[in-house]
Amino acid sequence: MLIERHANMRIEKRTFGNEGAVLLVIDHLVADPERLVRKAARRPFDLRSNYFPGPRTRAPAMYSPFLESVLNPLLPEHFGMQPGRFKFSMCHYSLVATPPQELKFLQRVPHIDSTGSDGLATVHYLFHGHWGGTAFYRHRQTGFESIDDARKETYFRQLETESQGADAPAPGYINGDTALFEQTAKADAVFNRMLVYRRNSLHSACIENHDIPPPDPVLGRLSINSFIDVI
């Protein structure tokens, strides 16, 4: 499956929070996004994890080489990564579909994908409609907006205490300010838009608890999520 870039690709750099984290917003990413949707509709979503709230399946084999060609000229300037010196440790179609009442505690608060400050994540939105984008957060008690190896013990110890306290989140997705977290930025979901950000930033999908997406690649909240590691 050949994947080509859109002729009108547009790249915007944003920064957010007190830590000035970088967020790249790339609109009109691929030339034929509907083809990626059709490809997803023919695949079994049979992969599960303890953290992502829904099923996954592997993205097409050509997706990561395509993404590498797009990101190679961008990563040195925006993230300090050398061209060609990274690998994709994950590249999956994903569907957020878990009912709010079934979410584990760590799925009800913002999360990180790793504590490494040089790892990146991308999310490529492949749905039309109102299923929500991605938001970034600050932990109120510690003031942390990202969690690295030096912060993780302090942060997770505090979070464990808060999980037993009066302000512990009720079952459901976080989607805005809470007693424990403050939203610092939000990127709307636009069909064929991709976000690129550091994996250790506290973030979460923006999901309305009264309107959960179906586990359907055509009708639901389909995205391609990738992890990028330095080599």
C-alpha atoms as a PDB file:
ATOM      1  CA  MET A   1       0.000   0.000   0.000  1.00  0.00           C
ATOM      2  CA  LEU A   2       1.678   3.208  -1.194  1.00  0.00           C
ATOM      3  CA  ILE A   3       1.022   6.220   1.031  1.00  0.00           C
ATOM      4  CA  GLU A   4       1.652   9.682  -0.374  1.00  0.00           C
ATOM      5  CA  ARG A   5       1.666  13.069   1.310  1.00  0.00           C
ATOM      6  CA  HIS A   6      -1.079  15.571   0.620  1.00  0.00           C
ATOM      7  CA  ALA A   7      -0.172  18.351  -1.804  1.00  0.00           C
ATOM      8  CA  ASN A   8      -1.528  20.942   0.651  1.00  0.00           C
ATOM      9  CA  MET A   9       0.112  19.658   3.834  1.00  0.00           C
ATOM     10  CA  ARG A  10       0.302  22.406   6.457  1.00  0.00           C
ATOM     11  CA  ILE A  11       2.545  22.380   9.543  1.00  0.00           C
ATOM     12  CA  GLU A  12       2.004  24.529  12.625  1.00  0.00           C
ATOM     13  CA  LYS A  13       4.218  24.659  15.699  1.00  0.00           C
ATOM     14  CA  ARG A  14       2.531  25.353  19.042  1.00  0.00           C
ATOM     15  CA  THR A  15       3.919  25.492  22.563  1.00  0.00           C
ATOM     16  CA  PHE A  16       1.918  24.953  25.716  1.00  0.00           C
ATOM     17  CA  GLY A  17       2.085  25.093  29.491  1.00  0.00           C
ATOM     18  CA  ASN A  18       4.634  26.554  31.852  1.00  0.00           C
ATOM     19  CA  GLU A  19       7.209  24.082  30.523  1.00  0.00           C
ATOM     20  CA  GLY A  20       6.836  25.338  26.948  1.00  0.00           C
ATOM     21  CA  ALA A  21       6.375  21.876  25.467  1.00  0.00           C
ATOM     22  CA  VAL A  22       6.310  21.636  21.674  1.00  0.00           C
ATOM     23  CA  LEU A  23       3.249  20.418  19.790  1.00  0.00           C
ATOM     24  CA  LEU A  24       3.341  20.027  16.018  1.00  0.00           C
ATOM     25  CA  VAL A  25      -0.026  20.130  14.270  1.00  0.00           C
ATOM     26  CA  ILE A  26       0.147  18.751  10.727  1.00  0.00           C
ATOM     27  CA  ASP A  27      -3.011  19.180   8.646  1.00  0.00           C
ATOM     28  CA  HIS A  28      -3.749  17.418   5.337  1.00  0.00           C
ATOM     29  CA  LEU A  29      -1.212  14.708   6.116  1.00  0.00           C
ATOM     30  CA  VAL A  30      -1.894  12.011   3.525  1.00  0.00           C
ATOM     31  CA  ALA A  31      -3.224  12.322   0.010  1.00  0.00           C
ATOM     32  CA  ASP A  32      -5.925   9.653   0.417  1.00  0.00           C
ATOM     33  CA  PRO A  33      -6.973   9.344   4.093  1.00  0.00           C
ATOM     34  CA  GLU A  34     -10.207   7.549   3.209  1.00  0.00           C
ATOM     35  CA  ARG A  35      -8.109   4.685   1.863  1.00  0.00           C
ATOM     36  CA  LEU A  36      -6.549   4.279   5.316  1.00  0.00           C
ATOM     37  CA  VAL A  37     -10.045   4.126   6.798  1.00  0.00           C
ATOM     38  CA  ARG A  38     -11.115   1.460   4.325  1.00  0.00           C
ATOM     39  CA  LYS A  39      -7.969  -0.500   5.134  1.00  0.00           C
ATOM     40  CA  ALA A  40      -8.816  -0.343   8.855  1.00  0.00           C
ATOM     41  CA  ALA A  41     -12.361  -1.550   8.205  1.00  0.00           C
ATOM     42  CA  ARG A  42     -10.971  -4.792   6.777  1.00  0.00           C
ATOM     43  CA  ARG A  43      -8.717  -5.563   9.752  1.00  0.00           C
ATOM     44  CA  PRO A  44      -9.544  -7.345  13.013  1.00  0.00           C
ATOM     45  CA  PHE A  45      -9.091  -5.036  15.996  1.00  0.00           C
ATOM     46  CA  ASP A  46      -7.810  -7.746  18.310  1.00  0.00           C
ATOM     47  CA  LEU A  47      -4.981  -6.044  20.229  1.00  0.00           C
ATOM     48  CA  ARG A  48      -5.576  -4.829  23.796  1.00  0.00           C
ATOM     49  CA  SER A  49      -3.415  -3.112  26.406  1.00  0.00           C
ATOM     50  CA  ASN A  50      -3.801  -2.284  30.085  1.00  0.00           C
ATOM     51  CA  TYR A  51      -3.721   1.429  29.354  1.00  0.00           C
ATOM     52  CA  PHE A  52      -5.389   2.278  26.040  1.00  0.00           C
ATOM     53  CA  PRO A  53      -9.208   2.323  26.414  1.00  0.00           C
ATOM     54  CA  GLY A  54     -10.154   0.343  23.338  1.00  0.00           C
ATOM     55  CA  PRO A  55      -9.032  -2.152  20.687  1.00  0.00           C
ATOM     56  CA  ARG A  56      -6.132  -1.781  18.284  1.00  0.00           C
ATOM     57  CA  THR A  57      -4.647  -3.389  15.201  1.00  0.00           C
ATOM     58  CA  ARG A  58      -1.419  -2.861  13.321  1.00  0.00           C
ATOM     59  CA  ALA A  59      -1.233  -0.007  10.830  1.00  0.00           C
ATOM     60  CA  PRO A  60      -0.248  -0.748   7.206  1.00  0.00           C
ATOM     61  CA  ALA A  61       3.419  -1.637   6.785  1.00  0.00           C
ATOM     62  CA  MET A  62       4.089   1.414   4.614  1.00  0.00           C
ATOM     63  CA  TYR A  63       2.737   3.874   7.159  1.00  0.00           C
ATOM     64  CA  SER A  64       5.864   4.145   9.307  1.00  0.00           C
ATOM     65  CA  PRO A  65       8.236   4.704   6.312  1.00  0.00           C
ATOM     66  CA  PHE A  66       5.839   7.386   5.076  1.00  0.00           C
ATOM     67  CA  LEU A  67       5.770   9.019   8.498  1.00  0.00           C
ATOM     68  CA  GLU A  68       9.555   8.908   8.703  1.00  0.00           C
ATOM     69  CA  SER A  69       9.796  10.778   5.398  1.00  0.00           C
ATOM     70  CA  VAL A  70       7.468  13.482   6.729  1.00  0.00           C
ATOM     71  CA  LEU A  71       9.133  13.850  10.126  1.00  0.00           C
ATOM     72  CA  ASN A  72      12.812  13.596   9.150  1.00  0.00           C
ATOM     73  CA  PRO A  73      13.143  17.289   8.213  1.00  0.00           C
ATOM     74  CA  LEU A  74      11.048  18.445  11.209  1.00  0.00           C
ATOM     75  CA  LEU A  75      12.506  16.624  14.195  1.00  0.00           C
ATOM     76  CA  PRO A  76      15.919  18.334  14.411  1.00  0.00           C
ATOM     77  CA  GLU A  77      14.472  21.842  14.593  1.00  0.00           C
ATOM     78  CA  HIS A  78      11.494  21.141  16.824  1.00  0.00           C
ATOM     79  CA  PHE A  79      12.617  18.229  19.026  1.00  0.00           C
ATOM     80  CA  GLY A  80      16.400  18.078  18.704  1.00  0.00           C
ATOM     81  CA  MET A  81      16.387  14.610  17.114  1.00  0.00           C
ATOM     82  CA  GLN A  82      18.755  13.725  14.288  1.00  0.00           C
ATOM     83  CA  PRO A  83      17.235  12.642  10.943  1.00  0.00           C
ATOM     84  CA  GLY A  84      17.176   8.883  10.508  1.00  0.00           C
ATOM     85  CA  ARG A  85      18.228   8.259  14.109  1.00  0.00           C
ATOM     86  CA  PHE A  86      14.877   7.019  15.350  1.00  0.00           C
ATOM     87  CA  LYS A  87      12.613   3.989  15.114  1.00  0.00           C
ATOM     88  CA  PHE A  88       8.898   3.302  15.496  1.00  0.00           C
ATOM     89  CA  SER A  89       8.265   1.136  18.539  1.00  0.00           C
ATOM     90  CA  MET A  90       4.496   1.197  17.909  1.00  0.00           C
ATOM     91  CA  CYS A  91       2.304   2.028  14.922  1.00  0.00           C
ATOM     92  CA  HIS A  92      -1.312   0.975  15.425  1.00  0.00           C
ATOM     93  CA  TYR A  93      -4.830   1.792  14.356  1.00  0.00           C
ATOM     94  CA  SER A  94      -6.739   2.629  17.560  1.00  0.00           C
ATOM     95  CA  LEU A  95     -10.382   2.951  18.594  1.00  0.00           C
ATOM     96  CA  VAL A  96     -11.377   4.604  21.890  1.00  0.00           C
ATOM     97  CA  ALA A  97     -14.454   2.606  22.868  1.00  0.00           C
ATOM     98  CA  THR A  98     -14.371   1.583  26.546  1.00  0.00           C
ATOM     99  CA  PRO A  99     -17.508   2.544  28.531  1.00  0.00           C
ATOM    100  CA  PRO A 100     -16.772   5.153  31.248  1.00  0.00           C
ATOM    101  CA  GLN A 101     -17.771   2.863  34.109  1.00  0.00           C
ATOM    102  CA  GLU A 102     -15.195   0.265  32.990  1.00  0.00           C
ATOM    103  CA  LEU A 103     -12.181   2.566  33.014  1.00  0.00           C
ATOM    104  CA  LYS A 104      -9.351   1.816  35.425  1.00  0.00           C
ATOM    105  CA  PHE A 105      -8.040   4.641  37.608  1.00  0.00           C
ATOM    106  CA  LEU A 106      -5.061   5.404  35.367  1.00  0.00           C
ATOM    107  CA  GLN A 107      -7.438   5.664  32.393  1.00  0.00           C
ATOM    108  CA  ARG A 108      -9.488   8.325  34.211  1.00  0.00           C
ATOM    109  CA  VAL A 109      -6.582  10.753  34.580  1.00  0.00           C
ATOM    110  CA  PRO A 110      -4.053  12.147  32.092  1.00  0.00           C
ATOM    111  CA  HIS A 111      -1.303   9.707  31.235  1.00  0.00           C
ATOM    112  CA  ILE A 112       2.198   9.561  29.826  1.00  0.00           C
ATOM    113  CA  ASP A 113       3.459   7.026  27.309  1.00  0.00           C
ATOM    114  CA  SER A 114       6.978   6.847  28.750  1.00  0.00           C
ATOM    115  CA  THR A 115       9.287   8.791  31.059  1.00  0.00           C
ATOM    116  CA  GLY A 116      11.956   9.297  28.405  1.00  0.00           C
ATOM    117  CA  SER A 117      12.186  12.957  27.411  1.00  0.00           C
ATOM    118  CA  ASP A 118      13.399  12.081  23.899  1.00  0.00           C
ATOM    119  CA  GLY A 119      10.520   9.781  22.921  1.00  0.00           C
ATOM    120  CA  LEU A 120       7.730  11.168  20.740  1.00  0.00           C
ATOM    121  CA  ALA A 121       4.125  10.200  20.099  1.00  0.00           C
ATOM    122  CA  THR A 122       1.936  10.915  17.100  1.00  0.00           C
ATOM    123  CA  VAL A 123      -1.818  10.652  16.699  1.00  0.00           C
ATOM    124  CA  HIS A 124      -3.334  10.817  13.212  1.00  0.00           C
ATOM    125  CA  TYR A 125      -7.087  11.467  13.307  1.00  0.00           C
ATOM    126  CA  LEU A 126      -9.033   9.429  10.751  1.00  0.00           C
ATOM    127  CA  PHE A 127     -12.618  10.137  11.763  1.00  0.00           C
ATOM    128  CA  HIS A 128     -15.237  12.694  10.882  1.00  0.00           C
ATOM    129  CA  GLY A 129     -17.473  14.141  13.538  1.00  0.00           C
ATOM    130  CA  HIS A 130     -17.423  15.044  17.181  1.00  0.00           C
ATOM    131  CA  TRP A 131     -15.366  12.374  18.936  1.00  0.00           C
ATOM    132  CA  GLY A 132     -12.900  14.836  20.433  1.00  0.00           C
ATOM    133  CA  GLY A 133      -9.235  15.731  20.067  1.00  0.00           C
ATOM    134  CA  THR A 134      -6.346  15.594  22.522  1.00  0.00           C
ATOM    135  CA  ALA A 135      -5.656  17.736  25.610  1.00  0.00           C
ATOM    136  CA  PHE A 136      -2.608  18.322  27.783  1.00  0.00           C
ATOM    137  CA  TYR A 137      -2.545  18.790  31.550  1.00  0.00           C
ATOM    138  CA  ARG A 138      -0.700  20.030  34.627  1.00  0.00           C
ATOM    139  CA  HIS A 139      -0.842  18.050  37.872  1.00  0.00           C
ATOM    140  CA  ARG A 140      -1.965  20.600  40.432  1.00  0.00           C
ATOM    141  CA  GLN A 141      -0.217  19.239  43.519  1.00  0.00           C
ATOM    142  CA  THR A 142       3.253  18.862  41.955  1.00  0.00           C
ATOM    143  CA  GLY A 143       2.966  21.385  39.136  1.00  0.00           C
ATOM    144  CA  PHE A 144       4.333  18.755  36.744  1.00  0.00           C
ATOM    145  CA  GLU A 145       3.290  18.880  33.092  1.00  0.00           C
ATOM    146  CA  SER A 146       5.679  16.132  32.048  1.00  0.00           C
ATOM    147  CA  ILE A 147       7.039  13.148  33.952  1.00  0.00           C
ATOM    148  CA  ASP A 148      10.658  12.095  33.484  1.00  0.00           C
ATOM    149  CA  ASP A 149      12.782   9.640  35.442  1.00  0.00           C
ATOM    150  CA  ALA A 150      13.638  12.274  38.044  1.00  0.00           C
ATOM    151  CA  ARG A 151       9.972  13.103  38.674  1.00  0.00           C
ATOM    152  CA  LYS A 152       8.246   9.742  38.353  1.00  0.00           C
ATOM    153  CA  GLU A 153       8.639   8.567  41.961  1.00  0.00           C
ATOM    154  CA  THR A 154       7.311  11.836  43.380  1.00  0.00           C
ATOM    155  CA  TYR A 155       4.474  12.014  40.885  1.00  0.00           C
ATOM    156  CA  PHE A 156       3.189   8.457  41.092  1.00  0.00           C
ATOM    157  CA  ARG A 157       3.467   8.391  44.877  1.00  0.00           C
ATOM    158  CA  GLN A 158       1.351  11.558  45.053  1.00  0.00           C
ATOM    159  CA  LEU A 159      -1.101  10.196  42.493  1.00  0.00           C
ATOM    160  CA  GLU A 160      -1.518   6.981  44.483  1.00  0.00           C
ATOM    161  CA  THR A 161      -2.376   9.045  47.564  1.00  0.00           C
ATOM    162  CA  GLU A 162      -4.868  11.117  45.580  1.00  0.00           C
ATOM    163  CA  SER A 163      -6.501   7.989  44.165  1.00  0.00           C
ATOM    164  CA  GLN A 164      -7.695   7.198  47.702  1.00  0.00           C
ATOM    165  CA  GLY A 165      -8.732  10.750  48.598  1.00  0.00           C
ATOM    166  CA  ALA A 166     -11.898  12.797  48.396  1.00  0.00           C
ATOM    167  CA  ASP A 167     -10.881  14.263  45.014  1.00  0.00           C
ATOM    168  CA  ALA A 168     -10.293  10.914  43.312  1.00  0.00           C
ATOM    169  CA  PRO A 169     -11.995  10.980  39.896  1.00  0.00           C
ATOM    170  CA  ALA A 170     -15.308   9.221  39.492  1.00  0.00           C
ATOM    171  CA  PRO A 171     -15.570   6.637  36.691  1.00  0.00           C
ATOM    172  CA  GLY A 172     -15.292   8.411  33.342  1.00  0.00           C
ATOM    173  CA  TYR A 173     -12.931  10.103  30.943  1.00  0.00           C
ATOM    174  CA  ILE A 174     -11.198  13.348  31.907  1.00  0.00           C
ATOM    175  CA  ASN A 175     -12.190  16.201  29.606  1.00  0.00           C
ATOM    176  CA  GLY A 176     -11.184  19.522  31.165  1.00  0.00           C
ATOM    177  CA  ASP A 177     -10.103  20.861  34.552  1.00  0.00           C
ATOM    178  CA  THR A 178     -10.568  18.704  37.642  1.00  0.00           C
ATOM    179  CA  ALA A 179      -9.593  18.944  41.303  1.00  0.00           C
ATOM    180  CA  LEU A 180      -6.359  17.073  40.512  1.00  0.00           C
ATOM    181  CA  PHE A 181      -5.438  18.351  37.029  1.00  0.00           C
ATOM    182  CA  GLU A 182      -5.556  21.602  35.067  1.00  0.00           C
ATOM    183  CA  GLN A 183      -5.889  21.529  31.296  1.00  0.00           C
ATOM    184  CA  THR A 184      -3.094  23.552  29.708  1.00  0.00           C
ATOM    185  CA  ALA A 185      -3.802  23.070  25.988  1.00  0.00           C
ATOM    186  CA  LYS A 186      -6.172  21.351  23.607  1.00  0.00           C
ATOM    187  CA  ALA A 187      -5.889  20.377  19.940  1.00  0.00           C
ATOM    188  CA  ASP A 188      -9.134  19.688  18.116  1.00  0.00           C
ATOM    189  CA  ALA A 189      -9.556  16.528  16.091  1.00  0.00           C
ATOM    190  CA  VAL A 190      -9.712  17.321  12.386  1.00  0.00           C
ATOM    191  CA  PHE A 191      -9.906  14.579   9.775  1.00  0.00           C
ATOM    192  CA  ASN A 192      -6.412  13.841   8.385  1.00  0.00           C
ATOM    193  CA  ARG A 193      -4.671  15.948  11.063  1.00  0.00           C
ATOM    194  CA  MET A 194      -1.681  14.588  12.974  1.00  0.00           C
ATOM    195  CA  LEU A 195      -0.263  15.749  16.309  1.00  0.00           C
ATOM    196  CA  VAL A 196       3.369  15.214  17.332  1.00  0.00           C
ATOM    197  CA  TYR A 197       4.435  15.679  20.976  1.00  0.00           C
ATOM    198  CA  ARG A 198       6.778  14.297  23.613  1.00  0.00           C
ATOM    199  CA  ARG A 199       5.601  11.017  25.107  1.00  0.00           C
ATOM    200  CA  ASN A 200       6.216  12.131  28.691  1.00  0.00           C
ATOM    201  CA  SER A 201       3.726  15.024  28.494  1.00  0.00           C
ATOM    202  CA  LEU A 202       0.571  14.456  30.551  1.00  0.00           C
ATOM    203  CA  HIS A 203      -2.226  14.106  28.019  1.00  0.00           C
ATOM    204  CA  SER A 204      -5.570  12.488  27.324  1.00  0.00           C
ATOM    205  CA  ALA A 205      -8.138  12.132  24.575  1.00  0.00           C
ATOM    206  CA  CYS A 206     -11.109  14.488  24.903  1.00  0.00           C
ATOM    207  CA  ILE A 207     -14.039  12.082  25.257  1.00  0.00           C
ATOM    208  CA  GLU A 208     -17.596  13.026  26.234  1.00  0.00           C
ATOM    209  CA  ASN A 209     -18.813  10.536  28.829  1.00  0.00           C
ATOM    210  CA  HIS A 210     -22.409  10.750  27.625  1.00  0.00           C
ATOM    211  CA  ASP A 211     -21.470   9.894  24.034  1.00  0.00           C
ATOM    212  CA  ILE A 212     -18.852   7.149  23.770  1.00  0.00           C
ATOM    213  CA  PRO A 213     -17.619   6.279  20.254  1.00  0.00           C
ATOM    214  CA  PRO A 214     -18.581   2.851  18.890  1.00  0.00           C
ATOM    215  CA  PRO A 215     -15.872   0.228  18.254  1.00  0.00           C
ATOM    216  CA  ASP A 216     -16.280   0.714  14.516  1.00  0.00           C
ATOM    217  CA  PRO A 217     -13.436   1.915  12.238  1.00  0.00           C
ATOM    218  CA  VAL A 218     -15.868   3.738   9.934  1.00  0.00           C
ATOM    219  CA  LEU A 219     -18.185   5.294  12.511  1.00  0.00           C
ATOM    220  CA  GLY A 220     -15.955   5.491  15.595  1.00  0.00           C
ATOM    221  CA  ARG A 221     -12.911   7.419  16.808  1.00  0.00           C
ATOM    222  CA  LEU A 222     -10.327   5.915  14.472  1.00  0.00           C
ATOM    223  CA  SER A 223      -6.738   7.103  14.679  1.00  0.00           C
ATOM    224  CA  ILE A 224      -3.250   5.834  13.949  1.00  0.00           C
ATOM    225  CA  ASN A 225      -1.038   6.149  17.016  1.00  0.00           C
ATOM    226  CA  SER A 226       2.743   5.831  16.792  1.00  0.00           C
ATOM    227  CA  PHE A 227       5.631   5.882  19.241  1.00  0.00           C
ATOM    228  CA  ILE A 228       9.020   7.163  18.091  1.00  0.00           C
ATOM    229  CA  ASP A 229      12.261   6.257  19.885  1.00  0.00           C
ATOM    230  CA  VAL A 230      15.784   7.581  19.432  1.00  0.00           C
ATOM    231  CA  ILE A 231      18.340   4.978  18.343  1.00  0.00           C
END
